[in-house]
């Protein structure tokens, strides 16, 4: 495992300390979790952008044409 030195504004550090205490975890764990969430979100955006490039409107319309044209059930109606 590696380590980094992180400089935070005092107001952010205070808030992070409060949140970590409230959650019952260390500041390190809180920052790790937040970073994992952010990296995951960014990777998801990249993945979806790549998938979009491979998409095809004609293939989508072909797949959609195979769906039966029926009324939705009561609980599925908007």
PDB file of N, CA and C in Angstrom:
ATOM      1  N   UNK A   1       0.840  -1.162   0.000  1.00  0.00           N
ATOM      2  CA  UNK A   1       0.000   0.000   0.000  1.00  0.00           C
ATOM      3  C   UNK A   1       0.892   1.234   0.000  1.00  0.00           C
ATOM      4  N   UNK A   2       0.483   2.264  -0.687  1.00  0.00           N
ATOM      5  CA  UNK A   2       1.264   3.498  -0.724  1.00  0.00           C
ATOM      6  C   UNK A   2       0.573   4.575   0.102  1.00  0.00           C
ATOM      7  N   UNK A   3       1.305   5.629   0.352  1.00  0.00           N
ATOM      8  CA  UNK A   3       0.741   6.731   1.118  1.00  0.00           C
ATOM      9  C   UNK A   3       1.022   8.038   0.399  1.00  0.00           C
ATOM     10  N   UNK A   4       0.164   9.025   0.669  1.00  0.00           N
ATOM     11  CA  UNK A   4       0.355  10.356   0.105  1.00  0.00           C
ATOM     12  C   UNK A   4       0.136  11.375   1.212  1.00  0.00           C
ATOM     13  N   UNK A   5       0.703  12.531   1.006  1.00  0.00           N
ATOM     14  CA  UNK A   5       0.468  13.647   1.907  1.00  0.00           C
ATOM     15  C   UNK A   5      -0.605  14.511   1.257  1.00  0.00           C
ATOM     16  N   UNK A   6      -1.629  14.827   2.005  1.00  0.00           N
ATOM     17  CA  UNK A   6      -2.761  15.558   1.448  1.00  0.00           C
ATOM     18  C   UNK A   6      -2.988  16.834   2.236  1.00  0.00           C
ATOM     19  N   UNK A   7      -3.046  17.939   1.548  1.00  0.00           N
ATOM     20  CA  UNK A   7      -3.306  19.221   2.203  1.00  0.00           C
ATOM     21  C   UNK A   7      -4.768  19.587   1.967  1.00  0.00           C
ATOM     22  N   UNK A   8      -5.464  19.868   3.053  1.00  0.00           N
ATOM     23  CA  UNK A   8      -6.875  20.234   2.977  1.00  0.00           C
ATOM     24  C   UNK A   8      -7.081  21.582   3.645  1.00  0.00           C
ATOM     25  N   UNK A   9      -8.022  22.361   3.138  1.00  0.00           N
ATOM     26  CA  UNK A   9      -8.390  23.568   3.873  1.00  0.00           C
ATOM     27  C   UNK A   9      -8.927  23.157   5.255  1.00  0.00           C
ATOM     28  N   UNK A  10      -8.682  23.967   6.244  1.00  0.00           N
ATOM     29  CA  UNK A  10      -9.085  23.628   7.609  1.00  0.00           C
ATOM     30  C   UNK A  10     -10.580  23.337   7.705  1.00  0.00           C
ATOM     31  N   UNK A  11     -11.392  24.095   6.983  1.00  0.00           N
ATOM     32  CA  UNK A  11     -12.844  23.887   7.042  1.00  0.00           C
ATOM     33  C   UNK A  11     -13.233  22.502   6.505  1.00  0.00           C
ATOM     34  N   UNK A  12     -12.574  22.062   5.441  1.00  0.00           N
ATOM     35  CA  UNK A  12     -12.859  20.737   4.889  1.00  0.00           C
ATOM     36  C   UNK A  12     -12.358  19.646   5.826  1.00  0.00           C
ATOM     37  N   UNK A  13     -11.174  19.846   6.376  1.00  0.00           N
ATOM     38  CA  UNK A  13     -10.624  18.874   7.312  1.00  0.00           C
ATOM     39  C   UNK A  13     -11.553  18.699   8.513  1.00  0.00           C
ATOM     40  N   UNK A  14     -12.070  19.799   9.019  1.00  0.00           N
ATOM     41  CA  UNK A  14     -12.998  19.743  10.150  1.00  0.00           C
ATOM     42  C   UNK A  14     -14.250  18.951   9.788  1.00  0.00           C
ATOM     43  N   UNK A  15     -14.789  19.221   8.618  1.00  0.00           N
ATOM     44  CA  UNK A  15     -16.009  18.521   8.178  1.00  0.00           C
ATOM     45  C   UNK A  15     -15.736  17.033   7.978  1.00  0.00           C
ATOM     46  N   UNK A  16     -14.606  16.694   7.388  1.00  0.00           N
ATOM     47  CA  UNK A  16     -14.233  15.291   7.178  1.00  0.00           C
ATOM     48  C   UNK A  16     -14.083  14.592   8.524  1.00  0.00           C
ATOM     49  N   UNK A  17     -13.448  15.254   9.473  1.00  0.00           N
ATOM     50  CA  UNK A  17     -13.276  14.690  10.810  1.00  0.00           C
ATOM     51  C   UNK A  17     -14.640  14.408  11.444  1.00  0.00           C
ATOM     52  N   UNK A  18     -15.564  15.357  11.320  1.00  0.00           N
ATOM     53  CA  UNK A  18     -16.911  15.187  11.884  1.00  0.00           C
ATOM     54  C   UNK A  18     -17.650  14.020  11.224  1.00  0.00           C
ATOM     55  N   UNK A  19     -17.568  13.965   9.908  1.00  0.00           N
ATOM     56  CA  UNK A  19     -18.254  12.882   9.186  1.00  0.00           C
ATOM     57  C   UNK A  19     -17.676  11.516   9.536  1.00  0.00           C
ATOM     58  N   UNK A  20     -16.360  11.443   9.616  1.00  0.00           N
ATOM     59  CA  UNK A  20     -15.717  10.175   9.959  1.00  0.00           C
ATOM     60  C   UNK A  20     -16.141   9.733  11.357  1.00  0.00           C
ATOM     61  N   UNK A  21     -16.169  10.660  12.289  1.00  0.00           N
ATOM     62  CA  UNK A  21     -16.589  10.339  13.652  1.00  0.00           C
ATOM     63  C   UNK A  21     -18.034   9.857  13.662  1.00  0.00           C
ATOM     64  N   UNK A  22     -18.892  10.565  12.929  1.00  0.00           N
ATOM     65  CA  UNK A  22     -20.310  10.186  12.845  1.00  0.00           C
ATOM     66  C   UNK A  22     -20.477   8.783  12.270  1.00  0.00           C
ATOM     67  N   UNK A  23     -19.664   8.445  11.276  1.00  0.00           N
ATOM     68  CA  UNK A  23     -19.736   7.130  10.630  1.00  0.00           C
ATOM     69  C   UNK A  23     -19.009   6.048  11.428  1.00  0.00           C
ATOM     70  N   UNK A  24     -18.220   6.454  12.405  1.00  0.00           N
ATOM     71  CA  UNK A  24     -17.472   5.489  13.206  1.00  0.00           C
ATOM     72  C   UNK A  24     -16.281   4.887  12.476  1.00  0.00           C
ATOM     73  N   UNK A  25     -15.693   5.679  11.584  1.00  0.00           N
ATOM     74  CA  UNK A  25     -14.531   5.221  10.825  1.00  0.00           C
ATOM     75  C   UNK A  25     -13.433   6.279  10.912  1.00  0.00           C
ATOM     76  N   UNK A  26     -12.252   5.917  10.452  1.00  0.00           N
ATOM     77  CA  UNK A  26     -11.149   6.871  10.464  1.00  0.00           C
ATOM     78  C   UNK A  26     -11.279   7.845   9.287  1.00  0.00           C
ATOM     79  N   UNK A  27     -10.587   8.960   9.420  1.00  0.00           N
ATOM     80  CA  UNK A  27     -10.549   9.919   8.314  1.00  0.00           C
ATOM     81  C   UNK A  27      -9.979   9.251   7.073  1.00  0.00           C
ATOM     82  N   UNK A  28      -8.965   8.415   7.262  1.00  0.00           N
ATOM     83  CA  UNK A  28      -8.361   7.702   6.143  1.00  0.00           C
ATOM     84  C   UNK A  28      -9.386   6.830   5.418  1.00  0.00           C
ATOM     85  N   UNK A  29     -10.197   6.098   6.179  1.00  0.00           N
ATOM     86  CA  UNK A  29     -11.223   5.245   5.568  1.00  0.00           C
ATOM     87  C   UNK A  29     -12.253   6.083   4.818  1.00  0.00           C
ATOM     88  N   UNK A  30     -12.646   7.207   5.391  1.00  0.00           N
ATOM     89  CA  UNK A  30     -13.632   8.069   4.745  1.00  0.00           C
ATOM     90  C   UNK A  30     -13.092   8.606   3.421  1.00  0.00           C
ATOM     91  N   UNK A  31     -11.849   9.076   3.429  1.00  0.00           N
ATOM     92  CA  UNK A  31     -11.254   9.611   2.200  1.00  0.00           C
ATOM     93  C   UNK A  31     -11.076   8.498   1.171  1.00  0.00           C
ATOM     94  N   UNK A  32     -10.655   7.313   1.610  1.00  0.00           N
ATOM     95  CA  UNK A  32     -10.539   6.180   0.680  1.00  0.00           C
ATOM     96  C   UNK A  32     -11.880   5.866   0.031  1.00  0.00           C
ATOM     97  N   UNK A  33     -12.930   5.807   0.834  1.00  0.00           N
ATOM     98  CA  UNK A  33     -14.265   5.501   0.300  1.00  0.00           C
ATOM     99  C   UNK A  33     -14.715   6.560  -0.697  1.00  0.00           C
ATOM    100  N   UNK A  34     -14.503   7.826  -0.350  1.00  0.00           N
ATOM    101  CA  UNK A  34     -14.900   8.911  -1.245  1.00  0.00           C
ATOM    102  C   UNK A  34     -14.135   8.838  -2.561  1.00  0.00           C
ATOM    103  N   UNK A  35     -12.850   8.535  -2.471  1.00  0.00           N
ATOM    104  CA  UNK A  35     -12.031   8.441  -3.680  1.00  0.00           C
ATOM    105  C   UNK A  35     -12.452   7.260  -4.547  1.00  0.00           C
ATOM    106  N   UNK A  36     -12.753   6.141  -3.913  1.00  0.00           N
ATOM    107  CA  UNK A  36     -13.220   4.970  -4.663  1.00  0.00           C
ATOM    108  C   UNK A  36     -14.518   5.297  -5.404  1.00  0.00           C
ATOM    109  N   UNK A  37     -15.443   5.980  -4.737  1.00  0.00           N
ATOM    110  CA  UNK A  37     -16.704   6.359  -5.385  1.00  0.00           C
ATOM    111  C   UNK A  37     -16.460   7.263  -6.584  1.00  0.00           C
ATOM    112  N   UNK A  38     -15.585   8.242  -6.440  1.00  0.00           N
ATOM    113  CA  UNK A  38     -15.310   9.174  -7.536  1.00  0.00           C
ATOM    114  C   UNK A  38     -14.638   8.468  -8.708  1.00  0.00           C
ATOM    115  N   UNK A  39     -13.646   7.645  -8.423  1.00  0.00           N
ATOM    116  CA  UNK A  39     -12.949   6.912  -9.490  1.00  0.00           C
ATOM    117  C   UNK A  39     -13.931   5.989 -10.214  1.00  0.00           C
ATOM    118  N   UNK A  40     -14.783   5.321  -9.458  1.00  0.00           N
ATOM    119  CA  UNK A  40     -15.783   4.431 -10.054  1.00  0.00           C
ATOM    120  C   UNK A  40     -16.726   5.197 -10.975  1.00  0.00           C
ATOM    121  N   UNK A  41     -17.177   6.368 -10.532  1.00  0.00           N
ATOM    122  CA  UNK A  41     -18.077   7.184 -11.361  1.00  0.00           C
ATOM    123  C   UNK A  41     -17.385   7.612 -12.652  1.00  0.00           C
ATOM    124  N   UNK A  42     -16.144   8.041 -12.550  1.00  0.00           N
ATOM    125  CA  UNK A  42     -15.411   8.466 -13.746  1.00  0.00           C
ATOM    126  C   UNK A  42     -15.175   7.303 -14.696  1.00  0.00           C
ATOM    127  N   UNK A  43     -14.865   6.140 -14.151  1.00  0.00           N
ATOM    128  CA  UNK A  43     -14.658   4.962 -14.998  1.00  0.00           C
ATOM    129  C   UNK A  43     -15.958   4.541 -15.672  1.00  0.00           C
ATOM    130  N   UNK A  44     -17.076   4.700 -14.984  1.00  0.00           N
ATOM    131  CA  UNK A  44     -18.370   4.363 -15.572  1.00  0.00           C
ATOM    132  C   UNK A  44     -18.673   5.274 -16.743  1.00  0.00           C
ATOM    133  N   UNK A  45     -18.389   6.562 -16.602  1.00  0.00           N
ATOM    134  CA  UNK A  45     -18.594   7.507 -17.698  1.00  0.00           C
ATOM    135  C   UNK A  45     -17.744   7.101 -18.899  1.00  0.00           C
ATOM    136  N   UNK A  46     -16.486   6.779 -18.657  1.00  0.00           N
ATOM    137  CA  UNK A  46     -15.603   6.351 -19.755  1.00  0.00           C
ATOM    138  C   UNK A  46     -16.148   5.096 -20.430  1.00  0.00           C
ATOM    139  N   UNK A  47     -16.598   4.138 -19.627  1.00  0.00           N
ATOM    140  CA  UNK A  47     -17.133   2.886 -20.164  1.00  0.00           C
ATOM    141  C   UNK A  47     -18.357   3.157 -21.040  1.00  0.00           C
ATOM    142  N   UNK A  48     -19.251   3.995 -20.542  1.00  0.00           N
ATOM    143  CA  UNK A  48     -20.470   4.288 -21.306  1.00  0.00           C
ATOM    144  C   UNK A  48     -20.160   5.060 -22.586  1.00  0.00           C
ATOM    145  N   UNK A  49     -19.170   5.937 -22.545  1.00  0.00           N
ATOM    146  CA  UNK A  49     -18.780   6.653 -23.756  1.00  0.00           C
ATOM    147  C   UNK A  49     -18.231   5.688 -24.805  1.00  0.00           C
ATOM    148  N   UNK A  50     -17.435   4.723 -24.367  1.00  0.00           N
ATOM    149  CA  UNK A  50     -16.910   3.726 -25.299  1.00  0.00           C
ATOM    150  C   UNK A  50     -18.033   2.869 -25.873  1.00  0.00           C
ATOM    151  N   UNK A  51     -18.972   2.468 -25.020  1.00  0.00           N
ATOM    152  CA  UNK A  51     -20.106   1.672 -25.492  1.00  0.00           C
ATOM    153  C   UNK A  51     -20.943   2.448 -26.499  1.00  0.00           C
ATOM    154  N   UNK A  52     -21.098   3.750 -26.268  1.00  0.00           N
ATOM    155  CA  UNK A  52     -21.872   4.600 -27.170  1.00  0.00           C
ATOM    156  C   UNK A  52     -21.257   4.605 -28.559  1.00  0.00           C
ATOM    157  N   UNK A  53     -19.942   4.625 -28.623  1.00  0.00           N
ATOM    158  CA  UNK A  53     -19.262   4.638 -29.923  1.00  0.00           C
ATOM    159  C   UNK A  53     -19.542   3.376 -30.715  1.00  0.00           C
ATOM    160  N   UNK A  54     -19.779   2.267 -30.010  1.00  0.00           N
ATOM    161  CA  UNK A  54     -20.036   0.998 -30.696  1.00  0.00           C
ATOM    162  C   UNK A  54     -21.510   0.820 -31.024  1.00  0.00           C
ATOM    163  N   UNK A  55     -22.341   1.727 -30.527  1.00  0.00           N
ATOM    164  CA  UNK A  55     -23.785   1.600 -30.728  1.00  0.00           C
ATOM    165  C   UNK A  55     -24.196   1.861 -32.166  1.00  0.00           C
ATOM    166  N   UNK A  56     -25.382   1.382 -32.499  1.00  0.00           N
ATOM    167  CA  UNK A  56     -25.910   1.557 -33.843  1.00  0.00           C
ATOM    168  C   UNK A  56     -27.421   1.768 -33.744  1.00  0.00           C
ATOM    169  N   UNK A  57     -27.882   2.875 -34.305  1.00  0.00           N
ATOM    170  CA  UNK A  57     -29.316   3.160 -34.282  1.00  0.00           C
ATOM    171  C   UNK A  57     -30.099   2.081 -35.019  1.00  0.00           C
ATOM    172  N   UNK A  58     -29.582   1.583 -36.117  1.00  0.00           N
ATOM    173  CA  UNK A  58     -30.310   0.562 -36.880  1.00  0.00           C
ATOM    174  C   UNK A  58     -30.415  -0.743 -36.082  1.00  0.00           C
ATOM    175  N   UNK A  59     -29.357  -1.124 -35.366  1.00  0.00           N
ATOM    176  CA  UNK A  59     -29.430  -2.336 -34.530  1.00  0.00           C
ATOM    177  C   UNK A  59     -30.405  -2.139 -33.380  1.00  0.00           C
ATOM    178  N   UNK A  60     -30.429  -0.922 -32.800  1.00  0.00           N
ATOM    179  CA  UNK A  60     -31.367  -0.627 -31.728  1.00  0.00           C
ATOM    180  C   UNK A  60     -32.799  -0.729 -32.232  1.00  0.00           C
ATOM    181  N   UNK A  61     -33.068  -0.132 -33.390  1.00  0.00           N
ATOM    182  CA  UNK A  61     -34.422  -0.172 -33.954  1.00  0.00           C
ATOM    183  C   UNK A  61     -34.817  -1.596 -34.325  1.00  0.00           C
ATOM    184  N   UNK A  62     -33.853  -2.384 -34.795  1.00  0.00           N
ATOM    185  CA  UNK A  62     -34.134  -3.775 -35.126  1.00  0.00           C
ATOM    186  C   UNK A  62     -34.508  -4.552 -33.865  1.00  0.00           C
ATOM    187  N   UNK A  63     -33.784  -4.342 -32.781  1.00  0.00           N
ATOM    188  CA  UNK A  63     -34.098  -5.014 -31.520  1.00  0.00           C
ATOM    189  C   UNK A  63     -35.433  -4.539 -30.977  1.00  0.00           C
ATOM    190  N   UNK A  64     -35.693  -3.246 -31.060  1.00  0.00           N
ATOM    191  CA  UNK A  64     -36.947  -2.694 -30.557  1.00  0.00           C
ATOM    192  C   UNK A  64     -38.141  -3.219 -31.344  1.00  0.00           C
ATOM    193  N   UNK A  65     -37.945  -3.492 -32.617  1.00  0.00           N
ATOM    194  CA  UNK A  65     -39.051  -3.993 -33.446  1.00  0.00           C
ATOM    195  C   UNK A  65     -39.485  -5.399 -33.031  1.00  0.00           C
ATOM    196  N   UNK A  66     -38.658  -6.100 -32.280  1.00  0.00           N
ATOM    197  CA  UNK A  66     -38.993  -7.451 -31.824  1.00  0.00           C
ATOM    198  C   UNK A  66     -39.855  -7.445 -30.559  1.00  0.00           C
ATOM    199  N   UNK A  67     -39.994  -6.257 -29.942  1.00  0.00           N
ATOM    200  CA  UNK A  67     -40.792  -6.150 -28.723  1.00  0.00           C
ATOM    201  C   UNK A  67     -42.263  -6.073 -29.099  1.00  0.00           C
ATOM    202  N   UNK A  68     -43.078  -6.891 -28.442  1.00  0.00           N
ATOM    203  CA  UNK A  68     -44.510  -6.902 -28.742  1.00  0.00           C
ATOM    204  C   UNK A  68     -45.136  -5.574 -28.359  1.00  0.00           C
ATOM    205  N   UNK A  69     -46.082  -5.133 -29.161  1.00  0.00           N
ATOM    206  CA  UNK A  69     -46.787  -3.879 -28.925  1.00  0.00           C
ATOM    207  C   UNK A  69     -48.043  -4.175 -28.107  1.00  0.00           C
ATOM    208  N   UNK A  70     -47.883  -4.207 -26.793  1.00  0.00           N
ATOM    209  CA  UNK A  70     -49.019  -4.486 -25.910  1.00  0.00           C
ATOM    210  C   UNK A  70     -49.101  -3.400 -24.839  1.00  0.00           C
ATOM    211  N   UNK A  71     -50.280  -3.266 -24.263  1.00  0.00           N
ATOM    212  CA  UNK A  71     -50.489  -2.298 -23.197  1.00  0.00           C
ATOM    213  C   UNK A  71     -49.732  -2.743 -21.948  1.00  0.00           C
ATOM    214  N   UNK A  72     -49.139  -1.798 -21.222  1.00  0.00           N
ATOM    215  CA  UNK A  72     -48.450  -2.166 -19.979  1.00  0.00           C
ATOM    216  C   UNK A  72     -49.455  -2.557 -18.896  1.00  0.00           C
ATOM    217  N   UNK A  73     -48.985  -3.369 -17.947  1.00  0.00           N
ATOM    218  CA  UNK A  73     -49.831  -3.719 -16.812  1.00  0.00           C
ATOM    219  C   UNK A  73     -50.105  -2.457 -15.992  1.00  0.00           C
ATOM    220  N   UNK A  74     -51.124  -2.510 -15.170  1.00  0.00           N
ATOM    221  CA  UNK A  74     -51.534  -1.353 -14.391  1.00  0.00           C
ATOM    222  C   UNK A  74     -50.413  -0.717 -13.583  1.00  0.00           C
ATOM    223  N   UNK A  75     -49.626  -1.533 -12.882  1.00  0.00           N
ATOM    224  CA  UNK A  75     -48.553  -0.981 -12.046  1.00  0.00           C
ATOM    225  C   UNK A  75     -47.391  -0.443 -12.862  1.00  0.00           C
ATOM    226  N   UNK A  76     -47.344  -0.756 -14.168  1.00  0.00           N
ATOM    227  CA  UNK A  76     -46.245  -0.279 -15.013  1.00  0.00           C
ATOM    228  C   UNK A  76     -46.619   1.001 -15.777  1.00  0.00           C
ATOM    229  N   UNK A  77     -47.838   1.453 -15.622  1.00  0.00           N
ATOM    230  CA  UNK A  77     -48.258   2.660 -16.341  1.00  0.00           C
ATOM    231  C   UNK A  77     -47.759   3.911 -15.647  1.00  0.00           C
ATOM    232  N   UNK A  78     -47.494   4.906 -16.445  1.00  0.00           N
ATOM    233  CA  UNK A  78     -47.028   6.194 -15.912  1.00  0.00           C
ATOM    234  C   UNK A  78     -48.227   7.068 -15.636  1.00  0.00           C
TER     235      UNK A  78
END
